[in-house]
C-alpha cells in the first residue's frame, strides 16, 4: 500500500480526466467495471477506476469485472469497425453517384447529337 500512497495517488491527483472522481464513487460495481473497459485507452482514467475498485475492497467480483470490462472493450471496437464500414460505404455510394451522373451526362450528349443529326 505504501507504493500506492507515494506513487499512484499523486499520479491520480495530478492527472486530468473527463470523469470526476466523485462520479466514479457513485457508479455501481458493474458500471465501474464497464467504464474500465470503455476507458481502457485512457491511462490516467484506468488508474482512477482501478483505485476505486481497490477502495471498495473485496465486494467487487474480479472475474465478473474482467468479463464486463472486456465486453465493453469489444463493443467499443465493434462500433469503431461499424463507423469505418459506414464511411467506406458512403464513399462508395458517392463515387457511384458521380459515375452515374457522368454516364447520364454523356448519354444526354449522345442523344442530343443524334437528334441534331436527324434534324430534330
PDB file of N, CA and C in Angstrom:
ATOM      1  N   UNK A   1       0.822  -1.204   0.000  1.00  0.00           N
ATOM      2  CA  UNK A   1       0.000   0.000   0.000  1.00  0.00           C
ATOM      3  C   UNK A   1       0.860   1.260   0.000  1.00  0.00           C
ATOM      4  N   UNK A   2       2.101   1.158   0.494  1.00  0.00           N
ATOM      5  CA  UNK A   2       2.959   2.347   0.507  1.00  0.00           C
ATOM      6  C   UNK A   2       3.285   2.806  -0.905  1.00  0.00           C
ATOM      7  N   UNK A   3       3.449   1.849  -1.823  1.00  0.00           N
ATOM      8  CA  UNK A   3       3.679   2.230  -3.219  1.00  0.00           C
ATOM      9  C   UNK A   3       2.477   3.008  -3.731  1.00  0.00           C
ATOM     10  N   UNK A   4       1.313   2.531  -3.375  1.00  0.00           N
ATOM     11  CA  UNK A   4       0.078   3.192  -3.795  1.00  0.00           C
ATOM     12  C   UNK A   4       0.026   4.622  -3.255  1.00  0.00           C
ATOM     13  N   UNK A   5       0.402   4.793  -1.987  1.00  0.00           N
ATOM     14  CA  UNK A   5       0.350   6.118  -1.367  1.00  0.00           C
ATOM     15  C   UNK A   5       1.329   7.083  -2.010  1.00  0.00           C
ATOM     16  N   UNK A   6       2.525   6.613  -2.325  1.00  0.00           N
ATOM     17  CA  UNK A   6       3.576   7.518  -2.769  1.00  0.00           C
ATOM     18  C   UNK A   6       3.709   7.645  -4.283  1.00  0.00           C
ATOM     19  N   UNK A   7       3.165   6.708  -5.020  1.00  0.00           N
ATOM     20  CA  UNK A   7       3.309   6.775  -6.478  1.00  0.00           C
ATOM     21  C   UNK A   7       1.965   6.944  -7.171  1.00  0.00           C
ATOM     22  N   UNK A   8       1.069   6.027  -6.926  1.00  0.00           N
ATOM     23  CA  UNK A   8      -0.188   6.027  -7.677  1.00  0.00           C
ATOM     24  C   UNK A   8      -1.092   7.194  -7.289  1.00  0.00           C
ATOM     25  N   UNK A   9      -1.248   7.441  -6.009  1.00  0.00           N
ATOM     26  CA  UNK A   9      -2.154   8.519  -5.576  1.00  0.00           C
ATOM     27  C   UNK A   9      -1.702   9.881  -6.095  1.00  0.00           C
ATOM     28  N   UNK A  10      -0.399  10.245  -6.001  1.00  0.00           N
ATOM     29  CA  UNK A  10      -0.002  11.536  -6.591  1.00  0.00           C
ATOM     30  C   UNK A  10      -0.243  11.601  -8.098  1.00  0.00           C
ATOM     31  N   UNK A  11      -0.032  10.479  -8.784  1.00  0.00           N
ATOM     32  CA  UNK A  11      -0.297  10.455 -10.225  1.00  0.00           C
ATOM     33  C   UNK A  11      -1.778  10.705 -10.480  1.00  0.00           C
ATOM     34  N   UNK A  12      -2.612  10.064  -9.688  1.00  0.00           N
ATOM     35  CA  UNK A  12      -4.055  10.248  -9.854  1.00  0.00           C
ATOM     36  C   UNK A  12      -4.468  11.684  -9.582  1.00  0.00           C
ATOM     37  N   UNK A  13      -3.870  12.288  -8.588  1.00  0.00           N
ATOM     38  CA  UNK A  13      -4.228  13.659  -8.243  1.00  0.00           C
ATOM     39  C   UNK A  13      -3.763  14.654  -9.299  1.00  0.00           C
ATOM     40  N   UNK A  14      -2.613  14.379  -9.914  1.00  0.00           N
ATOM     41  CA  UNK A  14      -2.065  15.311 -10.899  1.00  0.00           C
ATOM     42  C   UNK A  14      -2.685  15.149 -12.276  1.00  0.00           C
ATOM     43  N   UNK A  15      -3.213  13.989 -12.571  1.00  0.00           N
ATOM     44  CA  UNK A  15      -3.718  13.748 -13.928  1.00  0.00           C
ATOM     45  C   UNK A  15      -5.113  14.329 -14.093  1.00  0.00           C
ATOM     46  N   UNK A  16      -5.328  14.965 -15.231  1.00  0.00           N
ATOM     47  CA  UNK A  16      -6.652  15.487 -15.529  1.00  0.00           C
ATOM     48  C   UNK A  16      -7.482  14.410 -16.191  1.00  0.00           C
ATOM     49  N   UNK A  17      -8.780  14.497 -16.026  1.00  0.00           N
ATOM     50  CA  UNK A  17      -9.622  13.443 -16.582  1.00  0.00           C
ATOM     51  C   UNK A  17     -11.013  13.998 -16.832  1.00  0.00           C
ATOM     52  N   UNK A  18     -11.705  13.392 -17.770  1.00  0.00           N
ATOM     53  CA  UNK A  18     -13.048  13.837 -18.115  1.00  0.00           C
ATOM     54  C   UNK A  18     -14.042  13.495 -17.014  1.00  0.00           C
ATOM     55  N   UNK A  19     -13.925  12.289 -16.464  1.00  0.00           N
ATOM     56  CA  UNK A  19     -14.871  11.845 -15.451  1.00  0.00           C
ATOM     57  C   UNK A  19     -14.333  12.162 -14.053  1.00  0.00           C
ATOM     58  N   UNK A  20     -15.025  12.986 -13.278  1.00  0.00           N
ATOM     59  CA  UNK A  20     -14.542  13.313 -11.942  1.00  0.00           C
ATOM     60  C   UNK A  20     -14.560  12.095 -11.019  1.00  0.00           C
ATOM     61  N   UNK A  21     -13.673  12.132 -10.026  1.00  0.00           N
ATOM     62  CA  UNK A  21     -13.571  11.020  -9.084  1.00  0.00           C
ATOM     63  C   UNK A  21     -14.890  10.832  -8.334  1.00  0.00           C
ATOM     64  N   UNK A  22     -15.587  11.904  -8.029  1.00  0.00           N
ATOM     65  CA  UNK A  22     -16.864  11.795  -7.315  1.00  0.00           C
ATOM     66  C   UNK A  22     -17.847  10.930  -8.102  1.00  0.00           C
ATOM     67  N   UNK A  23     -17.843  11.087  -9.408  1.00  0.00           N
ATOM     68  CA  UNK A  23     -18.768  10.309 -10.225  1.00  0.00           C
ATOM     69  C   UNK A  23     -18.412   8.827 -10.180  1.00  0.00           C
ATOM     70  N   UNK A  24     -17.125   8.500 -10.147  1.00  0.00           N
ATOM     71  CA  UNK A  24     -16.707   7.103 -10.066  1.00  0.00           C
ATOM     72  C   UNK A  24     -17.259   6.450  -8.808  1.00  0.00           C
ATOM     73  N   UNK A  25     -17.212   7.161  -7.712  1.00  0.00           N
ATOM     74  CA  UNK A  25     -17.676   6.577  -6.451  1.00  0.00           C
ATOM     75  C   UNK A  25     -19.186   6.358  -6.443  1.00  0.00           C
ATOM     76  N   UNK A  26     -19.893   7.051  -7.321  1.00  0.00           N
ATOM     77  CA  UNK A  26     -21.350   6.881  -7.368  1.00  0.00           C
ATOM     78  C   UNK A  26     -21.773   5.741  -8.301  1.00  0.00           C
ATOM     79  N   UNK A  27     -20.830   5.194  -9.075  1.00  0.00           N
ATOM     80  CA  UNK A  27     -21.166   4.108 -10.000  1.00  0.00           C
ATOM     81  C   UNK A  27     -21.368   2.794  -9.253  1.00  0.00           C
ATOM     82  N   UNK A  28     -22.252   1.961  -9.791  1.00  0.00           N
ATOM     83  CA  UNK A  28     -22.408   0.611  -9.239  1.00  0.00           C
ATOM     84  C   UNK A  28     -21.155  -0.196  -9.588  1.00  0.00           C
ATOM     85  N   UNK A  29     -20.993  -1.347  -8.964  1.00  0.00           N
ATOM     86  CA  UNK A  29     -19.824  -2.181  -9.238  1.00  0.00           C
ATOM     87  C   UNK A  29     -19.751  -2.564 -10.716  1.00  0.00           C
ATOM     88  N   UNK A  30     -20.873  -2.994 -11.277  1.00  0.00           N
ATOM     89  CA  UNK A  30     -20.891  -3.384 -12.690  1.00  0.00           C
ATOM     90  C   UNK A  30     -20.587  -2.195 -13.601  1.00  0.00           C
ATOM     91  N   UNK A  31     -21.195  -1.054 -13.310  1.00  0.00           N
ATOM     92  CA  UNK A  31     -20.950   0.133 -14.132  1.00  0.00           C
ATOM     93  C   UNK A  31     -19.493   0.576 -14.055  1.00  0.00           C
ATOM     94  N   UNK A  32     -18.902   0.416 -12.894  1.00  0.00           N
ATOM     95  CA  UNK A  32     -17.491   0.763 -12.730  1.00  0.00           C
ATOM     96  C   UNK A  32     -16.621  -0.130 -13.617  1.00  0.00           C
ATOM     97  N   UNK A  33     -16.931  -1.414 -13.657  1.00  0.00           N
ATOM     98  CA  UNK A  33     -16.171  -2.357 -14.486  1.00  0.00           C
ATOM     99  C   UNK A  33     -16.382  -2.081 -15.971  1.00  0.00           C
ATOM    100  N   UNK A  34     -17.601  -1.736 -16.350  1.00  0.00           N
ATOM    101  CA  UNK A  34     -17.893  -1.397 -17.744  1.00  0.00           C
ATOM    102  C   UNK A  34     -17.135  -0.131 -18.138  1.00  0.00           C
ATOM    103  N   UNK A  35     -17.120   0.844 -17.247  1.00  0.00           N
ATOM    104  CA  UNK A  35     -16.385   2.082 -17.502  1.00  0.00           C
ATOM    105  C   UNK A  35     -14.899   1.804 -17.657  1.00  0.00           C
ATOM    106  N   UNK A  36     -14.384   0.864 -16.880  1.00  0.00           N
ATOM    107  CA  UNK A  36     -12.980   0.472 -17.006  1.00  0.00           C
ATOM    108  C   UNK A  36     -12.693  -0.006 -18.429  1.00  0.00           C
ATOM    109  N   UNK A  37     -13.589  -0.800 -18.990  1.00  0.00           N
ATOM    110  CA  UNK A  37     -13.410  -1.262 -20.364  1.00  0.00           C
ATOM    111  C   UNK A  37     -13.569  -0.153 -21.383  1.00  0.00           C
ATOM    112  N   UNK A  38     -14.537   0.729 -21.157  1.00  0.00           N
ATOM    113  CA  UNK A  38     -14.784   1.822 -22.098  1.00  0.00           C
ATOM    114  C   UNK A  38     -13.635   2.817 -22.135  1.00  0.00           C
ATOM    115  N   UNK A  39     -12.978   3.001 -21.002  1.00  0.00           N
ATOM    116  CA  UNK A  39     -11.904   3.995 -20.893  1.00  0.00           C
ATOM    117  C   UNK A  39     -10.520   3.357 -20.908  1.00  0.00           C
ATOM    118  N   UNK A  40     -10.404   2.127 -21.392  1.00  0.00           N
ATOM    119  CA  UNK A  40      -9.137   1.405 -21.278  1.00  0.00           C
ATOM    120  C   UNK A  40      -7.999   2.034 -22.064  1.00  0.00           C
ATOM    121  N   UNK A  41      -8.279   2.948 -22.962  1.00  0.00           N
ATOM    122  CA  UNK A  41      -7.221   3.620 -23.711  1.00  0.00           C
ATOM    123  C   UNK A  41      -6.807   4.945 -23.069  1.00  0.00           C
ATOM    124  N   UNK A  42      -7.326   5.227 -21.888  1.00  0.00           N
ATOM    125  CA  UNK A  42      -7.007   6.456 -21.162  1.00  0.00           C
ATOM    126  C   UNK A  42      -6.299   6.068 -19.864  1.00  0.00           C
ATOM    127  N   UNK A  43      -4.968   6.081 -19.885  1.00  0.00           N
ATOM    128  CA  UNK A  43      -4.167   5.621 -18.752  1.00  0.00           C
ATOM    129  C   UNK A  43      -4.539   6.227 -17.415  1.00  0.00           C
ATOM    130  N   UNK A  44      -4.616   7.561 -17.306  1.00  0.00           N
ATOM    131  CA  UNK A  44      -4.968   8.162 -16.015  1.00  0.00           C
ATOM    132  C   UNK A  44      -6.350   7.724 -15.518  1.00  0.00           C
ATOM    133  N   UNK A  45      -7.284   7.577 -16.449  1.00  0.00           N
ATOM    134  CA  UNK A  45      -8.630   7.159 -16.055  1.00  0.00           C
ATOM    135  C   UNK A  45      -8.625   5.721 -15.569  1.00  0.00           C
ATOM    136  N   UNK A  46      -7.861   4.860 -16.233  1.00  0.00           N
ATOM    137  CA  UNK A  46      -7.756   3.461 -15.808  1.00  0.00           C
ATOM    138  C   UNK A  46      -7.210   3.392 -14.388  1.00  0.00           C
ATOM    139  N   UNK A  47      -6.212   4.223 -14.096  1.00  0.00           N
ATOM    140  CA  UNK A  47      -5.649   4.244 -12.736  1.00  0.00           C
ATOM    141  C   UNK A  47      -6.701   4.676 -11.712  1.00  0.00           C
ATOM    142  N   UNK A  48      -7.499   5.676 -12.065  1.00  0.00           N
ATOM    143  CA  UNK A  48      -8.543   6.148 -11.142  1.00  0.00           C
ATOM    144  C   UNK A  48      -9.594   5.068 -10.901  1.00  0.00           C
ATOM    145  N   UNK A  49      -9.991   4.409 -11.968  1.00  0.00           N
ATOM    146  CA  UNK A  49     -11.006   3.357 -11.829  1.00  0.00           C
ATOM    147  C   UNK A  49     -10.449   2.194 -11.022  1.00  0.00           C
ATOM    148  N   UNK A  50      -9.207   1.809 -11.318  1.00  0.00           N
ATOM    149  CA  UNK A  50      -8.569   0.719 -10.573  1.00  0.00           C
ATOM    150  C   UNK A  50      -8.472   1.067  -9.095  1.00  0.00           C
ATOM    151  N   UNK A  51      -8.150   2.304  -8.804  1.00  0.00           N
ATOM    152  CA  UNK A  51      -8.074   2.764  -7.408  1.00  0.00           C
ATOM    153  C   UNK A  51      -9.441   2.656  -6.744  1.00  0.00           C
ATOM    154  N   UNK A  52     -10.475   3.047  -7.449  1.00  0.00           N
ATOM    155  CA  UNK A  52     -11.835   2.960  -6.903  1.00  0.00           C
ATOM    156  C   UNK A  52     -12.210   1.503  -6.645  1.00  0.00           C
ATOM    157  N   UNK A  53     -11.840   0.609  -7.557  1.00  0.00           N
ATOM    158  CA  UNK A  53     -12.120  -0.819  -7.366  1.00  0.00           C
ATOM    159  C   UNK A  53     -11.401  -1.329  -6.123  1.00  0.00           C
ATOM    160  N   UNK A  54     -10.129  -0.940  -5.964  1.00  0.00           N
ATOM    161  CA  UNK A  54      -9.367  -1.353  -4.783  1.00  0.00           C
ATOM    162  C   UNK A  54      -9.975  -0.781  -3.505  1.00  0.00           C
ATOM    163  N   UNK A  55     -10.427   0.465  -3.566  1.00  0.00           N
ATOM    164  CA  UNK A  55     -11.014   1.111  -2.384  1.00  0.00           C
ATOM    165  C   UNK A  55     -12.298   0.426  -1.920  1.00  0.00           C
ATOM    166  N   UNK A  56     -12.987  -0.215  -2.839  1.00  0.00           N
ATOM    167  CA  UNK A  56     -14.221  -0.909  -2.463  1.00  0.00           C
ATOM    168  C   UNK A  56     -13.950  -2.260  -1.809  1.00  0.00           C
ATOM    169  N   UNK A  57     -12.695  -2.626  -1.730  1.00  0.00           N
ATOM    170  CA  UNK A  57     -12.330  -3.878  -1.058  1.00  0.00           C
ATOM    171  C   UNK A  57     -12.721  -5.082  -1.884  1.00  0.00           C
ATOM    172  N   UNK A  58     -13.137  -6.138  -1.217  1.00  0.00           N
ATOM    173  CA  UNK A  58     -13.452  -7.388  -1.900  1.00  0.00           C
ATOM    174  C   UNK A  58     -14.885  -7.502  -2.363  1.00  0.00           C
ATOM    175  N   UNK A  59     -15.635  -6.410  -2.369  1.00  0.00           N
ATOM    176  CA  UNK A  59     -17.049  -6.503  -2.753  1.00  0.00           C
ATOM    177  C   UNK A  59     -17.242  -6.665  -4.263  1.00  0.00           C
ATOM    178  N   UNK A  60     -16.210  -6.357  -5.048  1.00  0.00           N
ATOM    179  CA  UNK A  60     -16.316  -6.499  -6.499  1.00  0.00           C
ATOM    180  C   UNK A  60     -15.734  -7.844  -6.900  1.00  0.00           C
ATOM    181  N   UNK A  61     -16.528  -8.626  -7.603  1.00  0.00           N
ATOM    182  CA  UNK A  61     -16.082  -9.914  -8.116  1.00  0.00           C
ATOM    183  C   UNK A  61     -15.132  -9.642  -9.286  1.00  0.00           C
ATOM    184  N   UNK A  62     -13.859  -9.979  -9.110  1.00  0.00           N
ATOM    185  CA  UNK A  62     -12.825  -9.651 -10.104  1.00  0.00           C
ATOM    186  C   UNK A  62     -13.084 -10.335 -11.447  1.00  0.00           C
ATOM    187  N   UNK A  63     -13.551 -11.577 -11.424  1.00  0.00           N
ATOM    188  CA  UNK A  63     -13.820 -12.285 -12.677  1.00  0.00           C
ATOM    189  C   UNK A  63     -14.962 -11.620 -13.438  1.00  0.00           C
ATOM    190  N   UNK A  64     -16.024 -11.283 -12.713  1.00  0.00           N
ATOM    191  CA  UNK A  64     -17.157 -10.602 -13.339  1.00  0.00           C
ATOM    192  C   UNK A  64     -16.713  -9.243 -13.889  1.00  0.00           C
ATOM    193  N   UNK A  65     -15.908  -8.546 -13.114  1.00  0.00           N
ATOM    194  CA  UNK A  65     -15.422  -7.233 -13.536  1.00  0.00           C
ATOM    195  C   UNK A  65     -14.594  -7.358 -14.815  1.00  0.00           C
ATOM    196  N   UNK A  66     -13.746  -8.366 -14.866  1.00  0.00           N
ATOM    197  CA  UNK A  66     -12.918  -8.596 -16.052  1.00  0.00           C
ATOM    198  C   UNK A  66     -13.801  -8.849 -17.275  1.00  0.00           C
ATOM    199  N   UNK A  67     -14.799  -9.703 -17.116  1.00  0.00           N
ATOM    200  CA  UNK A  67     -15.696 -10.028 -18.235  1.00  0.00           C
ATOM    201  C   UNK A  67     -16.442  -8.784 -18.709  1.00  0.00           C
ATOM    202  N   UNK A  68     -16.963  -8.001 -17.770  1.00  0.00           N
ATOM    203  CA  UNK A  68     -17.696  -6.787 -18.137  1.00  0.00           C
ATOM    204  C   UNK A  68     -16.793  -5.780 -18.847  1.00  0.00           C
ATOM    205  N   UNK A  69     -15.577  -5.614 -18.344  1.00  0.00           N
ATOM    206  CA  UNK A  69     -14.670  -4.642 -18.963  1.00  0.00           C
ATOM    207  C   UNK A  69     -14.240  -5.105 -20.354  1.00  0.00           C
ATOM    208  N   UNK A  70     -13.978  -6.402 -20.522  1.00  0.00           N
ATOM    209  CA  UNK A  70     -13.590  -6.916 -21.834  1.00  0.00           C
ATOM    210  C   UNK A  70     -14.753  -6.814 -22.826  1.00  0.00           C
ATOM    211  N   UNK A  71     -15.966  -7.036 -22.345  1.00  0.00           N
ATOM    212  CA  UNK A  71     -17.145  -6.892 -23.194  1.00  0.00           C
ATOM    213  C   UNK A  71     -17.274  -5.442 -23.672  1.00  0.00           C
ATOM    214  N   UNK A  72     -17.031  -4.499 -22.762  1.00  0.00           N
ATOM    215  CA  UNK A  72     -17.108  -3.078 -23.123  1.00  0.00           C
ATOM    216  C   UNK A  72     -16.035  -2.717 -24.142  1.00  0.00           C
ATOM    217  N   UNK A  73     -14.848  -3.292 -23.993  1.00  0.00           N
ATOM    218  CA  UNK A  73     -13.781  -3.051 -24.969  1.00  0.00           C
ATOM    219  C   UNK A  73     -14.211  -3.582 -26.334  1.00  0.00           C
ATOM    220  N   UNK A  74     -14.770  -4.778 -26.365  1.00  0.00           N
ATOM    221  CA  UNK A  74     -15.226  -5.375 -27.622  1.00  0.00           C
ATOM    222  C   UNK A  74     -16.312  -4.564 -28.288  1.00  0.00           C
ATOM    223  N   UNK A  75     -17.255  -4.050 -27.506  1.00  0.00           N
ATOM    224  CA  UNK A  75     -18.333  -3.234 -28.077  1.00  0.00           C
ATOM    225  C   UNK A  75     -17.777  -1.952 -28.669  1.00  0.00           C
ATOM    226  N   UNK A  76     -16.824  -1.325 -27.974  1.00  0.00           N
ATOM    227  CA  UNK A  76     -16.245  -0.093 -28.487  1.00  0.00           C
ATOM    228  C   UNK A  76     -15.529  -0.357 -29.804  1.00  0.00           C
ATOM    229  N   UNK A  77     -14.797  -1.452 -29.882  1.00  0.00           N
ATOM    230  CA  UNK A  77     -14.080  -1.776 -31.113  1.00  0.00           C
ATOM    231  C   UNK A  77     -15.047  -2.106 -32.238  1.00  0.00           C
ATOM    232  N   UNK A  78     -16.153  -2.789 -31.916  1.00  0.00           N
ATOM    233  CA  UNK A  78     -17.110  -3.118 -32.973  1.00  0.00           C
ATOM    234  C   UNK A  78     -17.791  -1.854 -33.482  1.00  0.00           C
ATOM    235  N   UNK A  79     -18.040  -0.870 -32.605  1.00  0.00           N
ATOM    236  CA  UNK A  79     -18.598   0.396 -33.063  1.00  0.00           C
ATOM    237  C   UNK A  79     -17.613   1.095 -33.983  1.00  0.00           C
ATOM    238  N   UNK A  80     -16.327   1.060 -33.622  1.00  0.00           N
ATOM    239  CA  UNK A  80     -15.313   1.670 -34.473  1.00  0.00           C
ATOM    240  C   UNK A  80     -15.317   1.016 -35.848  1.00  0.00           C
ATOM    241  N   UNK A  81     -15.429  -0.314 -35.890  1.00  0.00           N
ATOM    242  CA  UNK A  81     -15.457  -1.026 -37.166  1.00  0.00           C
ATOM    243  C   UNK A  81     -16.701  -0.656 -37.965  1.00  0.00           C
ATOM    244  N   UNK A  82     -17.851  -0.556 -37.279  1.00  0.00           N
ATOM    245  CA  UNK A  82     -19.089  -0.193 -37.966  1.00  0.00           C
ATOM    246  C   UNK A  82     -18.987   1.214 -38.541  1.00  0.00           C
ATOM    247  N   UNK A  83     -18.391   2.140 -37.783  1.00  0.00           N
ATOM    248  CA  UNK A  83     -18.227   3.501 -38.277  1.00  0.00           C
ATOM    249  C   UNK A  83     -17.347   3.527 -39.519  1.00  0.00           C
ATOM    250  N   UNK A  84     -16.268   2.747 -39.502  1.00  0.00           N
ATOM    251  CA  UNK A  84     -15.379   2.691 -40.662  1.00  0.00           C
ATOM    252  C   UNK A  84     -16.103   2.085 -41.859  1.00  0.00           C
ATOM    253  N   UNK A  85     -16.908   1.057 -41.610  1.00  0.00           N
ATOM    254  CA  UNK A  85     -17.658   0.422 -42.693  1.00  0.00           C
ATOM    255  C   UNK A  85     -18.687   1.393 -43.275  1.00  0.00           C
ATOM    256  N   UNK A  86     -19.380   2.134 -42.411  1.00  0.00           N
ATOM    257  CA  UNK A  86     -20.349   3.126 -42.896  1.00  0.00           C
ATOM    258  C   UNK A  86     -19.654   4.196 -43.739  1.00  0.00           C
ATOM    259  N   UNK A  87     -18.496   4.645 -43.265  1.00  0.00           N
ATOM    260  CA  UNK A  87     -17.753   5.661 -44.001  1.00  0.00           C
ATOM    261  C   UNK A  87     -17.317   5.129 -45.366  1.00  0.00           C
ATOM    262  N   UNK A  88     -16.843   3.885 -45.393  1.00  0.00           N
ATOM    263  CA  UNK A  88     -16.424   3.272 -46.651  1.00  0.00           C
ATOM    264  C   UNK A  88     -17.605   3.171 -47.616  1.00  0.00           C
ATOM    265  N   UNK A  89     -18.760   2.733 -47.103  1.00  0.00           N
ATOM    266  CA  UNK A  89     -19.949   2.598 -47.947  1.00  0.00           C
ATOM    267  C   UNK A  89     -20.413   3.963 -48.452  1.00  0.00           C
ATOM    268  N   UNK A  90     -20.334   4.971 -47.601  1.00  0.00           N
ATOM    269  CA  UNK A  90     -20.717   6.315 -48.014  1.00  0.00           C
ATOM    270  C   UNK A  90     -19.824   6.782 -49.159  1.00  0.00           C
ATOM    271  N   UNK A  91     -18.521   6.543 -49.025  1.00  0.00           N
ATOM    272  CA  UNK A  91     -17.596   6.929 -50.094  1.00  0.00           C
ATOM    273  C   UNK A  91     -17.882   6.161 -51.372  1.00  0.00           C
ATOM    274  N   UNK A  92     -18.184   4.873 -51.266  1.00  0.00           N
ATOM    275  CA  UNK A  92     -18.524   4.069 -52.442  1.00  0.00           C
ATOM    276  C   UNK A  92     -19.786   4.625 -53.088  1.00  0.00           C
ATOM    277  N   UNK A  93     -20.800   4.941 -52.272  1.00  0.00           N
ATOM    278  CA  UNK A  93     -22.055   5.471 -52.811  1.00  0.00           C
ATOM    279  C   UNK A  93     -21.842   6.815 -53.497  1.00  0.00           C
ATOM    280  N   UNK A  94     -21.023   7.670 -52.910  1.00  0.00           N
ATOM    281  CA  UNK A  94     -20.743   8.971 -53.522  1.00  0.00           C
ATOM    282  C   UNK A  94     -20.026   8.771 -54.850  1.00  0.00           C
ATOM    283  N   UNK A  95     -19.025   7.887 -54.855  1.00  0.00           N
ATOM    284  CA  UNK A  95     -18.305   7.597 -56.097  1.00  0.00           C
ATOM    285  C   UNK A  95     -19.258   7.058 -57.162  1.00  0.00           C
ATOM    286  N   UNK A  96     -20.170   6.180 -56.764  1.00  0.00           N
ATOM    287  CA  UNK A  96     -21.132   5.606 -57.708  1.00  0.00           C
ATOM    288  C   UNK A  96     -22.046   6.692 -58.268  1.00  0.00           C
ATOM    289  N   UNK A  97     -22.498   7.616 -57.427  1.00  0.00           N
ATOM    290  CA  UNK A  97     -23.355   8.715 -57.889  1.00  0.00           C
ATOM    291  C   UNK A  97     -22.606   9.609 -58.875  1.00  0.00           C
ATOM    292  N   UNK A  98     -21.336   9.848 -58.607  1.00  0.00           N
ATOM    293  CA  UNK A  98     -20.539  10.668 -59.525  1.00  0.00           C
ATOM    294  C   UNK A  98     -20.406   9.967 -60.874  1.00  0.00           C
ATOM    295  N   UNK A  99     -20.126   8.663 -60.840  1.00  0.00           N
ATOM    296  CA  UNK A  99     -20.023   7.899 -62.093  1.00  0.00           C
ATOM    297  C   UNK A  99     -21.362   7.895 -62.833  1.00  0.00           C
ATOM    298  N   UNK A 100     -22.449   7.679 -62.086  1.00  0.00           N
ATOM    299  CA  UNK A 100     -23.778   7.669 -62.708  1.00  0.00           C
ATOM    300  C   UNK A 100     -24.083   9.012 -63.359  1.00  0.00           C
ATOM    301  N   UNK A 101     -23.759  10.094 -62.667  1.00  0.00           N
ATOM    302  CA  UNK A 101     -24.014  11.427 -63.212  1.00  0.00           C
ATOM    303  C   UNK A 101     -23.200  11.652 -64.483  1.00  0.00           C
ATOM    304  N   UNK A 102     -21.956  11.175 -64.495  1.00  0.00           N
ATOM    305  CA  UNK A 102     -21.113  11.324 -65.688  1.00  0.00           C
ATOM    306  C   UNK A 102     -21.683  10.518 -66.854  1.00  0.00           C
ATOM    307  N   UNK A 103     -22.162   9.318 -66.565  1.00  0.00           N
ATOM    308  CA  UNK A 103     -22.748   8.468 -67.613  1.00  0.00           C
ATOM    309  C   UNK A 103     -24.013   9.110 -68.164  1.00  0.00           C
ATOM    310  N   UNK A 104     -24.872   9.615 -67.285  1.00  0.00           N
ATOM    311  CA  UNK A 104     -26.114  10.266 -67.719  1.00  0.00           C
ATOM    312  C   UNK A 104     -25.801  11.481 -68.577  1.00  0.00           C
ATOM    313  N   UNK A 105     -24.812  12.255 -68.167  1.00  0.00           N
ATOM    314  CA  UNK A 105     -24.427  13.436 -68.936  1.00  0.00           C
ATOM    315  C   UNK A 105     -23.926  13.023 -70.319  1.00  0.00           C
ATOM    316  N   UNK A 106     -23.095  11.993 -70.363  1.00  0.00           N
ATOM    317  CA  UNK A 106     -22.545  11.517 -71.640  1.00  0.00           C
ATOM    318  C   UNK A 106     -23.660  11.015 -72.558  1.00  0.00           C
ATOM    319  N   UNK A 107     -24.595  10.211 -71.999  1.00  0.00           N
ATOM    320  CA  UNK A 107     -25.723   9.734 -72.806  1.00  0.00           C
ATOM    321  C   UNK A 107     -26.586  10.891 -73.284  1.00  0.00           C
ATOM    322  N   UNK A 108     -26.747  11.902 -72.439  1.00  0.00           N
ATOM    323  CA  UNK A 108     -27.512  13.084 -72.841  1.00  0.00           C
ATOM    324  C   UNK A 108     -26.871  13.775 -74.031  1.00  0.00           C
ATOM    325  N   UNK A 109     -25.538  13.861 -74.008  1.00  0.00           N
ATOM    326  CA  UNK A 109     -24.816  14.474 -75.126  1.00  0.00           C
ATOM    327  C   UNK A 109     -24.958  13.633 -76.391  1.00  0.00           C
ATOM    328  N   UNK A 110     -24.871  12.317 -76.242  1.00  0.00           N
ATOM    329  CA  UNK A 110     -25.012  11.417 -77.399  1.00  0.00           C
ATOM    330  C   UNK A 110     -26.403  11.544 -78.008  1.00  0.00           C
ATOM    331  N   UNK A 111     -27.428  11.559 -77.169  1.00  0.00           N
ATOM    332  CA  UNK A 111     -28.816  11.686 -77.656  1.00  0.00           C
ATOM    333  C   UNK A 111     -29.015  13.031 -78.336  1.00  0.00           C
ATOM    334  N   UNK A 112     -28.454  14.088 -77.762  1.00  0.00           N
ATOM    335  CA  UNK A 112     -28.584  15.421 -78.350  1.00  0.00           C
ATOM    336  C   UNK A 112     -27.932  15.451 -79.731  1.00  0.00           C
ATOM    337  N   UNK A 113     -26.724  14.890 -79.849  1.00  0.00           N
ATOM    338  CA  UNK A 113     -26.034  14.837 -81.146  1.00  0.00           C
ATOM    339  C   UNK A 113     -26.844  14.015 -82.155  1.00  0.00           C
ATOM    340  N   UNK A 114     -27.386  12.905 -81.696  1.00  0.00           N
ATOM    341  CA  UNK A 114     -28.186  12.041 -82.577  1.00  0.00           C
ATOM    342  C   UNK A 114     -29.423  12.787 -83.068  1.00  0.00           C
ATOM    343  N   UNK A 115     -30.109  13.481 -82.157  1.00  0.00           N
ATOM    344  CA  UNK A 115     -31.306  14.246 -82.537  1.00  0.00           C
ATOM    345  C   UNK A 115     -30.953  15.358 -83.518  1.00  0.00           C
ATOM    346  N   UNK A 116     -29.797  16.007 -83.304  1.00  0.00           N
ATOM    347  CA  UNK A 116     -29.373  17.077 -84.214  1.00  0.00           C
ATOM    348  C   UNK A 116     -29.065  16.513 -85.602  1.00  0.00           C
ATOM    349  N   UNK A 117     -28.474  15.319 -85.615  1.00  0.00           N
ATOM    350  CA  UNK A 117     -28.154  14.710 -86.922  1.00  0.00           C
ATOM    351  C   UNK A 117     -29.427  14.312 -87.679  1.00  0.00           C
ATOM    352  N   UNK A 118     -30.498  14.039 -86.946  1.00  0.00           N
ATOM    353  CA  UNK A 118     -31.781  13.705 -87.569  1.00  0.00           C
ATOM    354  C   UNK A 118     -32.592  14.949 -87.897  1.00  0.00           C
ATOM    355  N   UNK A 119     -32.105  16.104 -87.452  1.00  0.00           N
ATOM    356  CA  UNK A 119     -32.804  17.352 -87.716  1.00  0.00           C
ATOM    357  C   UNK A 119     -33.920  17.626 -86.729  1.00  0.00           C
ATOM    358  N   UNK A 120     -33.858  17.000 -85.594  1.00  0.00           N
ATOM    359  CA  UNK A 120     -34.911  17.216 -84.590  1.00  0.00           C
ATOM    360  C   UNK A 120     -34.592  18.356 -83.685  1.00  0.00           C
TER     361      UNK A 120
END
